[in-house]
């Protein structure tokens, strides 16, 4: 329901509402944060990439809480592969400690 309401544009959650939803049922926020990450990346500027990294950190927290670390790792790996030409985004992921530099050297 949250996803439908957000996509339809009738409601944009504020921080307090997001905090409450994350506490009660964090799995409901997964589609929301996935969508926000993609919207931020599509804007293709450094500020948006930083925003995307913030959302990615929230996703990582939710996946850890749900004991789905392998799903998170698969998602992040695919996202980084899909955005490998966006150097600024890759750098922001490294700055945000989502990707370690030594891992990046191995992947390239």
C-alpha atoms as a PDB file:
ATOM      1  CA  UNK A   1       0.000   0.000   0.000  1.00  0.00           C
ATOM      2  CA  UNK A   2       2.848   2.369   0.866  1.00  0.00           C
ATOM      3  CA  UNK A   3       4.380   1.795  -2.554  1.00  0.00           C
ATOM      4  CA  UNK A   4       1.090   2.522  -4.356  1.00  0.00           C
ATOM      5  CA  UNK A   5       0.493   5.718  -2.406  1.00  0.00           C
ATOM      6  CA  UNK A   6       4.027   6.956  -2.987  1.00  0.00           C
ATOM      7  CA  UNK A   7       4.021   6.145  -6.717  1.00  0.00           C
ATOM      8  CA  UNK A   8       0.650   7.804  -7.203  1.00  0.00           C
ATOM      9  CA  UNK A   9       2.076  11.040  -5.783  1.00  0.00           C
ATOM     10  CA  UNK A  10      -0.626  11.493  -3.161  1.00  0.00           C
ATOM     11  CA  UNK A  11       1.776  11.266  -0.253  1.00  0.00           C
ATOM     12  CA  UNK A  12       5.436  11.953   0.331  1.00  0.00           C
ATOM     13  CA  UNK A  13       6.546  10.612   3.733  1.00  0.00           C
ATOM     14  CA  UNK A  14       8.471  12.841   6.112  1.00  0.00           C
ATOM     15  CA  UNK A  15      11.359  11.717   8.323  1.00  0.00           C
ATOM     16  CA  UNK A  16       9.194  10.913  11.314  1.00  0.00           C
ATOM     17  CA  UNK A  17       6.812   8.780   9.259  1.00  0.00           C
ATOM     18  CA  UNK A  18       9.737   6.928   7.675  1.00  0.00           C
ATOM     19  CA  UNK A  19      11.255   6.332  11.108  1.00  0.00           C
ATOM     20  CA  UNK A  20       7.966   4.933  12.412  1.00  0.00           C
ATOM     21  CA  UNK A  21       7.483   2.654   9.394  1.00  0.00           C
ATOM     22  CA  UNK A  22      11.074   1.439   9.642  1.00  0.00           C
ATOM     23  CA  UNK A  23      10.560   0.548  13.280  1.00  0.00           C
ATOM     24  CA  UNK A  24       7.243  -1.271  12.738  1.00  0.00           C
ATOM     25  CA  UNK A  25       7.741  -2.998   9.386  1.00  0.00           C
ATOM     26  CA  UNK A  26      10.997  -2.116   7.624  1.00  0.00           C
ATOM     27  CA  UNK A  27      10.348  -4.438   4.665  1.00  0.00           C
ATOM     28  CA  UNK A  28       7.641  -2.016   3.499  1.00  0.00           C
ATOM     29  CA  UNK A  29      10.292   0.628   2.876  1.00  0.00           C
ATOM     30  CA  UNK A  30      12.445  -1.475   0.548  1.00  0.00           C
ATOM     31  CA  UNK A  31      10.594  -0.488  -2.670  1.00  0.00           C
ATOM     32  CA  UNK A  32      10.535   3.146  -1.566  1.00  0.00           C
ATOM     33  CA  UNK A  33      14.296   3.338  -0.992  1.00  0.00           C
ATOM     34  CA  UNK A  34      15.090   1.350  -4.156  1.00  0.00           C
ATOM     35  CA  UNK A  35      13.034   3.838  -6.156  1.00  0.00           C
ATOM     36  CA  UNK A  36      14.663   6.825  -4.442  1.00  0.00           C
ATOM     37  CA  UNK A  37      18.141   5.448  -5.222  1.00  0.00           C
ATOM     38  CA  UNK A  38      17.292   5.109  -8.900  1.00  0.00           C
ATOM     39  CA  UNK A  39      15.716   8.580  -9.091  1.00  0.00           C
ATOM     40  CA  UNK A  40      18.809  10.123  -7.491  1.00  0.00           C
ATOM     41  CA  UNK A  41      21.200   8.301  -9.832  1.00  0.00           C
ATOM     42  CA  UNK A  42      19.167   9.334 -12.884  1.00  0.00           C
ATOM     43  CA  UNK A  43      19.686  13.029 -12.041  1.00  0.00           C
ATOM     44  CA  UNK A  44      23.416  12.460 -12.747  1.00  0.00           C
ATOM     45  CA  UNK A  45      25.120  15.004 -10.537  1.00  0.00           C
ATOM     46  CA  UNK A  46      27.418  14.726  -7.528  1.00  0.00           C
ATOM     47  CA  UNK A  47      24.833  16.010  -5.045  1.00  0.00           C
ATOM     48  CA  UNK A  48      22.309  13.398  -6.224  1.00  0.00           C
ATOM     49  CA  UNK A  49      24.909  10.655  -6.007  1.00  0.00           C
ATOM     50  CA  UNK A  50      25.518  11.601  -2.361  1.00  0.00           C
ATOM     51  CA  UNK A  51      21.773  11.408  -1.804  1.00  0.00           C
ATOM     52  CA  UNK A  52      21.700   7.967  -3.458  1.00  0.00           C
ATOM     53  CA  UNK A  53      24.464   6.787  -1.112  1.00  0.00           C
ATOM     54  CA  UNK A  54      22.407   7.933   1.898  1.00  0.00           C
ATOM     55  CA  UNK A  55      19.454   5.899   0.639  1.00  0.00           C
ATOM     56  CA  UNK A  56      21.729   2.931  -0.037  1.00  0.00           C
ATOM     57  CA  UNK A  57      22.927   3.038   3.561  1.00  0.00           C
ATOM     58  CA  UNK A  58      19.319   2.964   4.736  1.00  0.00           C
ATOM     59  CA  UNK A  59      18.681  -0.014   2.452  1.00  0.00           C
ATOM     60  CA  UNK A  60      21.737  -1.786   3.846  1.00  0.00           C
ATOM     61  CA  UNK A  61      20.450  -1.245   7.382  1.00  0.00           C
ATOM     62  CA  UNK A  62      17.031  -2.665   6.516  1.00  0.00           C
ATOM     63  CA  UNK A  63      18.491  -5.693   4.747  1.00  0.00           C
ATOM     64  CA  UNK A  64      20.725  -6.390   7.764  1.00  0.00           C
ATOM     65  CA  UNK A  65      17.745  -6.085  10.095  1.00  0.00           C
ATOM     66  CA  UNK A  66      15.863  -8.602   7.929  1.00  0.00           C
ATOM     67  CA  UNK A  67      18.899 -10.946   7.825  1.00  0.00           C
ATOM     68  CA  UNK A  68      19.133 -10.649   4.034  1.00  0.00           C
ATOM     69  CA  UNK A  69      22.752  -9.575   3.658  1.00  0.00           C
ATOM     70  CA  UNK A  70      23.267 -11.752   0.585  1.00  0.00           C
ATOM     71  CA  UNK A  71      20.350 -10.023  -1.159  1.00  0.00           C
ATOM     72  CA  UNK A  72      21.903  -6.660  -0.279  1.00  0.00           C
ATOM     73  CA  UNK A  73      25.318  -7.702  -1.588  1.00  0.00           C
ATOM     74  CA  UNK A  74      23.774  -8.988  -4.828  1.00  0.00           C
ATOM     75  CA  UNK A  75      21.797  -5.759  -5.283  1.00  0.00           C
ATOM     76  CA  UNK A  76      24.805  -3.519  -4.612  1.00  0.00           C
ATOM     77  CA  UNK A  77      27.077  -5.561  -6.874  1.00  0.00           C
ATOM     78  CA  UNK A  78      24.580  -5.323  -9.747  1.00  0.00           C
ATOM     79  CA  UNK A  79      24.003  -1.616  -9.149  1.00  0.00           C
ATOM     80  CA  UNK A  80      27.728  -0.912  -9.230  1.00  0.00           C
ATOM     81  CA  UNK A  81      28.088  -2.953 -12.398  1.00  0.00           C
ATOM     82  CA  UNK A  82      25.203  -1.089 -14.067  1.00  0.00           C
ATOM     83  CA  UNK A  83      26.691   2.276 -13.078  1.00  0.00           C
ATOM     84  CA  UNK A  84      30.353   1.488 -13.699  1.00  0.00           C
ATOM     85  CA  UNK A  85      30.630   4.372 -16.190  1.00  0.00           C
ATOM     86  CA  UNK A  86      29.391   6.883 -13.612  1.00  0.00           C
ATOM     87  CA  UNK A  87      32.747   7.559 -11.987  1.00  0.00           C
ATOM     88  CA  UNK A  88      31.389  10.193  -9.604  1.00  0.00           C
ATOM     89  CA  UNK A  89      28.777   7.761  -8.294  1.00  0.00           C
ATOM     90  CA  UNK A  90      31.433   5.072  -7.823  1.00  0.00           C
ATOM     91  CA  UNK A  91      33.569   7.585  -5.903  1.00  0.00           C
ATOM     92  CA  UNK A  92      30.650   8.542  -3.665  1.00  0.00           C
ATOM     93  CA  UNK A  93      30.029   4.874  -2.904  1.00  0.00           C
ATOM     94  CA  UNK A  94      33.667   4.562  -1.861  1.00  0.00           C
ATOM     95  CA  UNK A  95      33.474   7.722   0.267  1.00  0.00           C
ATOM     96  CA  UNK A  96      30.307   6.419   1.870  1.00  0.00           C
ATOM     97  CA  UNK A  97      32.140   3.166   2.662  1.00  0.00           C
ATOM     98  CA  UNK A  98      29.717   1.081   0.646  1.00  0.00           C
ATOM     99  CA  UNK A  99      32.632  -0.141  -1.473  1.00  0.00           C
ATOM    100  CA  UNK A 100      36.175  -0.615  -0.270  1.00  0.00           C
ATOM    101  CA  UNK A 101      38.945   0.550  -2.563  1.00  0.00           C
ATOM    102  CA  UNK A 102      40.732  -2.805  -2.505  1.00  0.00           C
ATOM    103  CA  UNK A 103      37.508  -4.545  -3.564  1.00  0.00           C
ATOM    104  CA  UNK A 104      37.115  -2.046  -6.390  1.00  0.00           C
ATOM    105  CA  UNK A 105      40.607  -2.880  -7.693  1.00  0.00           C
ATOM    106  CA  UNK A 106      39.742  -6.597  -7.710  1.00  0.00           C
ATOM    107  CA  UNK A 107      36.419  -6.012  -9.564  1.00  0.00           C
ATOM    108  CA  UNK A 108      38.004  -3.908 -12.346  1.00  0.00           C
END
